[in-house]
Amino acid sequence: MTETSAFPSTTHDHARCRSEALAQAEAMLARKKARLTPDRRAVLEVLLDDHQAQGAYDIMERIDWRGRRPAPTVIYRALDFLVSHGLAHKIESLNAFMACPHAGHDHRPMIMICTNCSQVAEFASTTIDKAVAKAAKDSGFTPRETTVEVTGLCSHCRESATA
């Protein structure tokens, strides 16, 4: 059985991953006639810099503001925009955000969080989607948003731990 990981491999071409995700985001927003302002772009670029969750203040510290120091509300507004347009997800358990690798697609993410290396990955599961929809229907509940968060060890950390 071949195991695939939602986490990037050691041979992952992150520069290509980042540039493709940014191009996909720009194209999707253009179709929606929404703007990726310089501040929104800067926040998205930080989220795309690596596969780790970022808190708002961490994001603010990683941006080169060229001498200006914006209020935290600038970051939160940019994050709200990115989340509302499906370009990022909020990870409630960490009070942090991650770039969405499936930008523009309507989906319910399952976010896996490695407690060893802090990488995050998104995994789509129709089985989980169907289970949530059935449970909601059976209970007369109308879900507005669904995100499943799972903590554990990514395949790379698990392999390192058993070596």
C-alpha atoms as a PDB file:
ATOM      1  CA  MET A   1       0.000   0.000   0.000  1.00  0.00           C
ATOM      2  CA  THR A   2       1.398   3.396  -0.976  1.00  0.00           C
ATOM      3  CA  GLU A   3       0.889   6.106   1.590  1.00  0.00           C
ATOM      4  CA  THR A   4       0.502   9.688   0.469  1.00  0.00           C
ATOM      5  CA  SER A   5       0.928  12.616   2.791  1.00  0.00           C
ATOM      6  CA  ALA A   6      -0.919  15.914   2.732  1.00  0.00           C
ATOM      7  CA  PHE A   7       2.273  17.372   4.176  1.00  0.00           C
ATOM      8  CA  PRO A   8       4.954  18.482   1.721  1.00  0.00           C
ATOM      9  CA  SER A   9       7.729  16.003   1.013  1.00  0.00           C
ATOM     10  CA  THR A  10      11.392  16.788   1.544  1.00  0.00           C
ATOM     11  CA  THR A  11      11.692  17.293  -2.246  1.00  0.00           C
ATOM     12  CA  HIS A  12       8.751  19.742  -2.328  1.00  0.00           C
ATOM     13  CA  ASP A  13       9.384  22.686  -4.684  1.00  0.00           C
ATOM     14  CA  HIS A  14       8.027  25.379  -2.393  1.00  0.00           C
ATOM     15  CA  ALA A  15       8.908  28.297  -4.683  1.00  0.00           C
ATOM     16  CA  ARG A  16       6.740  26.764  -7.413  1.00  0.00           C
ATOM     17  CA  CYS A  17       4.008  25.878  -4.901  1.00  0.00           C
ATOM     18  CA  ARG A  18       3.965  29.471  -3.628  1.00  0.00           C
ATOM     19  CA  SER A  19       3.952  31.130  -7.051  1.00  0.00           C
ATOM     20  CA  GLU A  20       1.206  28.820  -8.378  1.00  0.00           C
ATOM     21  CA  ALA A  21      -0.953  29.473  -5.305  1.00  0.00           C
ATOM     22  CA  LEU A  22      -0.497  33.229  -5.657  1.00  0.00           C
ATOM     23  CA  ALA A  23      -1.348  33.114  -9.379  1.00  0.00           C
ATOM     24  CA  GLN A  24      -4.417  30.975  -8.638  1.00  0.00           C
ATOM     25  CA  ALA A  25      -5.539  33.454  -5.953  1.00  0.00           C
ATOM     26  CA  GLU A  26      -5.108  36.442  -8.267  1.00  0.00           C
ATOM     27  CA  ALA A  27      -7.042  34.730 -11.078  1.00  0.00           C
ATOM     28  CA  MET A  28      -9.862  33.667  -8.773  1.00  0.00           C
ATOM     29  CA  LEU A  29     -10.207  37.166  -7.294  1.00  0.00           C
ATOM     30  CA  ALA A  30     -10.159  38.731 -10.774  1.00  0.00           C
ATOM     31  CA  ARG A  31     -13.074  36.477 -11.789  1.00  0.00           C
ATOM     32  CA  LYS A  32     -14.956  37.628  -8.682  1.00  0.00           C
ATOM     33  CA  LYS A  33     -13.990  41.257  -9.376  1.00  0.00           C
ATOM     34  CA  ALA A  34     -12.342  41.456  -5.950  1.00  0.00           C
ATOM     35  CA  ARG A  35      -9.047  43.235  -5.305  1.00  0.00           C
ATOM     36  CA  LEU A  36      -5.896  41.834  -3.827  1.00  0.00           C
ATOM     37  CA  THR A  37      -4.706  45.107  -2.300  1.00  0.00           C
ATOM     38  CA  PRO A  38      -1.030  45.470  -1.339  1.00  0.00           C
ATOM     39  CA  ASP A  39      -1.834  44.739   2.327  1.00  0.00           C
ATOM     40  CA  ARG A  40      -3.954  41.673   1.475  1.00  0.00           C
ATOM     41  CA  ARG A  41      -1.254  40.439  -0.889  1.00  0.00           C
ATOM     42  CA  ALA A  42       1.444  40.896   1.767  1.00  0.00           C
ATOM     43  CA  VAL A  43      -0.596  38.855   4.272  1.00  0.00           C
ATOM     44  CA  LEU A  44      -1.290  36.116   1.720  1.00  0.00           C
ATOM     45  CA  GLU A  45       2.400  35.973   0.787  1.00  0.00           C
ATOM     46  CA  VAL A  46       3.333  35.425   4.438  1.00  0.00           C
ATOM     47  CA  LEU A  47       0.765  32.625   4.702  1.00  0.00           C
ATOM     48  CA  LEU A  48       2.217  31.087   1.542  1.00  0.00           C
ATOM     49  CA  ASP A  49       5.824  31.393   2.767  1.00  0.00           C
ATOM     50  CA  ASP A  50       5.651  28.036   4.507  1.00  0.00           C
ATOM     51  CA  HIS A  51       3.223  25.328   5.506  1.00  0.00           C
ATOM     52  CA  GLN A  52       2.774  26.506   9.072  1.00  0.00           C
ATOM     53  CA  ALA A  53      -0.037  28.311  10.808  1.00  0.00           C
ATOM     54  CA  GLN A  54       0.574  31.987  11.487  1.00  0.00           C
ATOM     55  CA  GLY A  55      -0.989  34.192  14.129  1.00  0.00           C
ATOM     56  CA  ALA A  56      -1.983  37.733  13.181  1.00  0.00           C
ATOM     57  CA  TYR A  57       0.850  39.328  15.151  1.00  0.00           C
ATOM     58  CA  ASP A  58       3.370  36.851  13.685  1.00  0.00           C
ATOM     59  CA  ILE A  59       2.160  37.859  10.224  1.00  0.00           C
ATOM     60  CA  MET A  60       2.474  41.534  11.083  1.00  0.00           C
ATOM     61  CA  GLU A  61       6.091  41.029  12.208  1.00  0.00           C
ATOM     62  CA  ARG A  62       7.061  39.145   9.038  1.00  0.00           C
ATOM     63  CA  ILE A  63       5.906  41.841   6.595  1.00  0.00           C
ATOM     64  CA  ASP A  64       8.290  44.538   5.411  1.00  0.00           C
ATOM     65  CA  TRP A  65       6.115  47.597   5.941  1.00  0.00           C
ATOM     66  CA  ARG A  66       8.793  49.962   4.556  1.00  0.00           C
ATOM     67  CA  GLY A  67       8.812  52.247   7.546  1.00  0.00           C
ATOM     68  CA  ARG A  68       5.100  52.337   8.303  1.00  0.00           C
ATOM     69  CA  ARG A  69       3.603  50.448  11.222  1.00  0.00           C
ATOM     70  CA  PRO A  70      -0.058  49.629  10.578  1.00  0.00           C
ATOM     71  CA  ALA A  71      -2.543  48.867  13.313  1.00  0.00           C
ATOM     72  CA  PRO A  72      -3.349  45.178  13.902  1.00  0.00           C
ATOM     73  CA  THR A  73      -6.792  45.827  12.399  1.00  0.00           C
ATOM     74  CA  VAL A  74      -5.103  46.051   8.973  1.00  0.00           C
ATOM     75  CA  ILE A  75      -3.940  42.444   9.377  1.00  0.00           C
ATOM     76  CA  TYR A  76      -7.286  41.241  10.726  1.00  0.00           C
ATOM     77  CA  ARG A  77      -9.183  42.908   7.865  1.00  0.00           C
ATOM     78  CA  ALA A  78      -6.847  41.300   5.328  1.00  0.00           C
ATOM     79  CA  LEU A  79      -7.261  37.908   7.023  1.00  0.00           C
ATOM     80  CA  ASP A  80     -11.061  38.283   7.074  1.00  0.00           C
ATOM     81  CA  PHE A  81     -10.977  39.048   3.346  1.00  0.00           C
ATOM     82  CA  LEU A  82      -8.720  36.061   2.576  1.00  0.00           C
ATOM     83  CA  VAL A  83     -10.877  33.683   4.658  1.00  0.00           C
ATOM     84  CA  SER A  84     -14.144  35.003   3.183  1.00  0.00           C
ATOM     85  CA  HIS A  85     -12.776  34.451  -0.339  1.00  0.00           C
ATOM     86  CA  GLY A  86     -11.521  30.944   0.413  1.00  0.00           C
ATOM     87  CA  LEU A  87      -7.833  31.824   0.226  1.00  0.00           C
ATOM     88  CA  ALA A  88      -7.107  31.057   3.880  1.00  0.00           C
ATOM     89  CA  HIS A  89      -8.527  29.103   6.787  1.00  0.00           C
ATOM     90  CA  LYS A  90      -8.655  30.052  10.437  1.00  0.00           C
ATOM     91  CA  ILE A  91      -7.363  27.333  12.733  1.00  0.00           C
ATOM     92  CA  GLU A  92      -9.472  27.965  15.810  1.00  0.00           C
ATOM     93  CA  SER A  93      -7.486  25.744  18.179  1.00  0.00           C
ATOM     94  CA  LEU A  94      -4.304  27.731  17.447  1.00  0.00           C
ATOM     95  CA  ASN A  95      -5.955  31.123  16.871  1.00  0.00           C
ATOM     96  CA  ALA A  96      -3.927  31.168  13.674  1.00  0.00           C
ATOM     97  CA  PHE A  97      -4.341  31.067   9.915  1.00  0.00           C
ATOM     98  CA  MET A  98      -3.081  29.022   6.986  1.00  0.00           C
ATOM     99  CA  ALA A  99      -3.203  29.508   3.235  1.00  0.00           C
ATOM    100  CA  CYS A 100      -5.778  27.318   1.523  1.00  0.00           C
ATOM    101  CA  PRO A 101      -4.235  24.962  -1.033  1.00  0.00           C
ATOM    102  CA  HIS A 102      -7.652  24.556  -2.685  1.00  0.00           C
ATOM    103  CA  ALA A 103      -8.433  28.245  -3.122  1.00  0.00           C
ATOM    104  CA  GLY A 104     -11.708  29.008  -4.778  1.00  0.00           C
ATOM    105  CA  HIS A 105     -13.176  25.536  -4.339  1.00  0.00           C
ATOM    106  CA  ASP A 106     -16.200  25.087  -2.112  1.00  0.00           C
ATOM    107  CA  HIS A 107     -15.114  22.542   0.470  1.00  0.00           C
ATOM    108  CA  ARG A 108     -15.075  21.692   4.152  1.00  0.00           C
ATOM    109  CA  PRO A 109     -11.469  21.421   5.224  1.00  0.00           C
ATOM    110  CA  MET A 110      -9.955  18.935   7.614  1.00  0.00           C
ATOM    111  CA  ILE A 111      -6.824  20.590   8.944  1.00  0.00           C
ATOM    112  CA  MET A 112      -4.057  18.382  10.272  1.00  0.00           C
ATOM    113  CA  ILE A 113      -1.607  19.995  12.671  1.00  0.00           C
ATOM    114  CA  CYS A 114       1.732  18.337  13.426  1.00  0.00           C
ATOM    115  CA  THR A 115       2.493  18.852  17.101  1.00  0.00           C
ATOM    116  CA  ASN A 116       6.192  18.175  16.485  1.00  0.00           C
ATOM    117  CA  CYS A 117       7.192  20.356  13.507  1.00  0.00           C
ATOM    118  CA  SER A 118       4.148  22.707  13.560  1.00  0.00           C
ATOM    119  CA  GLN A 119       3.366  22.151   9.888  1.00  0.00           C
ATOM    120  CA  VAL A 120      -0.273  22.276   8.895  1.00  0.00           C
ATOM    121  CA  ALA A 121      -1.968  20.577   5.981  1.00  0.00           C
ATOM    122  CA  GLU A 122      -5.445  20.532   4.567  1.00  0.00           C
ATOM    123  CA  PHE A 123      -7.125  17.305   3.589  1.00  0.00           C
ATOM    124  CA  ALA A 124     -10.444  17.033   1.803  1.00  0.00           C
ATOM    125  CA  SER A 125     -12.643  14.108   2.762  1.00  0.00           C
ATOM    126  CA  THR A 126     -16.016  13.441   1.184  1.00  0.00           C
ATOM    127  CA  THR A 127     -16.616  10.843   3.905  1.00  0.00           C
ATOM    128  CA  ILE A 128     -16.338  13.506   6.613  1.00  0.00           C
ATOM    129  CA  ASP A 129     -18.452  15.928   4.562  1.00  0.00           C
ATOM    130  CA  LYS A 130     -21.200  13.312   4.207  1.00  0.00           C
ATOM    131  CA  ALA A 131     -21.047  12.396   7.907  1.00  0.00           C
ATOM    132  CA  VAL A 132     -21.366  16.060   8.951  1.00  0.00           C
ATOM    133  CA  ALA A 133     -24.231  16.634   6.485  1.00  0.00           C
ATOM    134  CA  LYS A 134     -26.074  13.533   7.725  1.00  0.00           C
ATOM    135  CA  ALA A 135     -25.611  14.426  11.401  1.00  0.00           C
ATOM    136  CA  ALA A 136     -26.820  17.968  10.719  1.00  0.00           C
ATOM    137  CA  LYS A 137     -29.844  16.771   8.750  1.00  0.00           C
ATOM    138  CA  ASP A 138     -30.742  14.129  11.366  1.00  0.00           C
ATOM    139  CA  SER A 139     -30.681  16.746  14.108  1.00  0.00           C
ATOM    140  CA  GLY A 140     -32.416  19.492  12.147  1.00  0.00           C
ATOM    141  CA  PHE A 141     -29.281  21.608  12.278  1.00  0.00           C
ATOM    142  CA  THR A 142     -28.152  23.903   9.471  1.00  0.00           C
ATOM    143  CA  PRO A 143     -24.353  24.184   9.492  1.00  0.00           C
ATOM    144  CA  ARG A 144     -22.891  27.509   8.477  1.00  0.00           C
ATOM    145  CA  GLU A 145     -19.261  26.491   8.481  1.00  0.00           C
ATOM    146  CA  THR A 146     -17.417  23.258   9.162  1.00  0.00           C
ATOM    147  CA  THR A 147     -13.737  22.814   9.851  1.00  0.00           C
ATOM    148  CA  VAL A 148     -12.297  19.680  11.402  1.00  0.00           C
ATOM    149  CA  GLU A 149      -8.956  20.097  13.192  1.00  0.00           C
ATOM    150  CA  VAL A 150      -6.784  17.091  13.984  1.00  0.00           C
ATOM    151  CA  THR A 151      -3.505  17.158  15.912  1.00  0.00           C
ATOM    152  CA  GLY A 152      -0.815  14.500  15.749  1.00  0.00           C
ATOM    153  CA  LEU A 153       2.411  13.680  13.940  1.00  0.00           C
ATOM    154  CA  CYS A 154       2.928  14.210  10.224  1.00  0.00           C
ATOM    155  CA  SER A 155       4.384  11.270   8.274  1.00  0.00           C
ATOM    156  CA  HIS A 156       7.850  12.876   8.236  1.00  0.00           C
ATOM    157  CA  CYS A 157       7.981  13.347  12.015  1.00  0.00           C
ATOM    158  CA  ARG A 158       6.500   9.887  12.584  1.00  0.00           C
ATOM    159  CA  GLU A 159       9.216   8.350  10.379  1.00  0.00           C
ATOM    160  CA  SER A 160      11.916  10.333  12.214  1.00  0.00           C
ATOM    161  CA  ALA A 161      10.559   9.202  15.587  1.00  0.00           C
ATOM    162  CA  THR A 162      10.644   5.503  14.599  1.00  0.00           C
ATOM    163  CA  ALA A 163      14.117   5.692  13.001  1.00  0.00           C
END
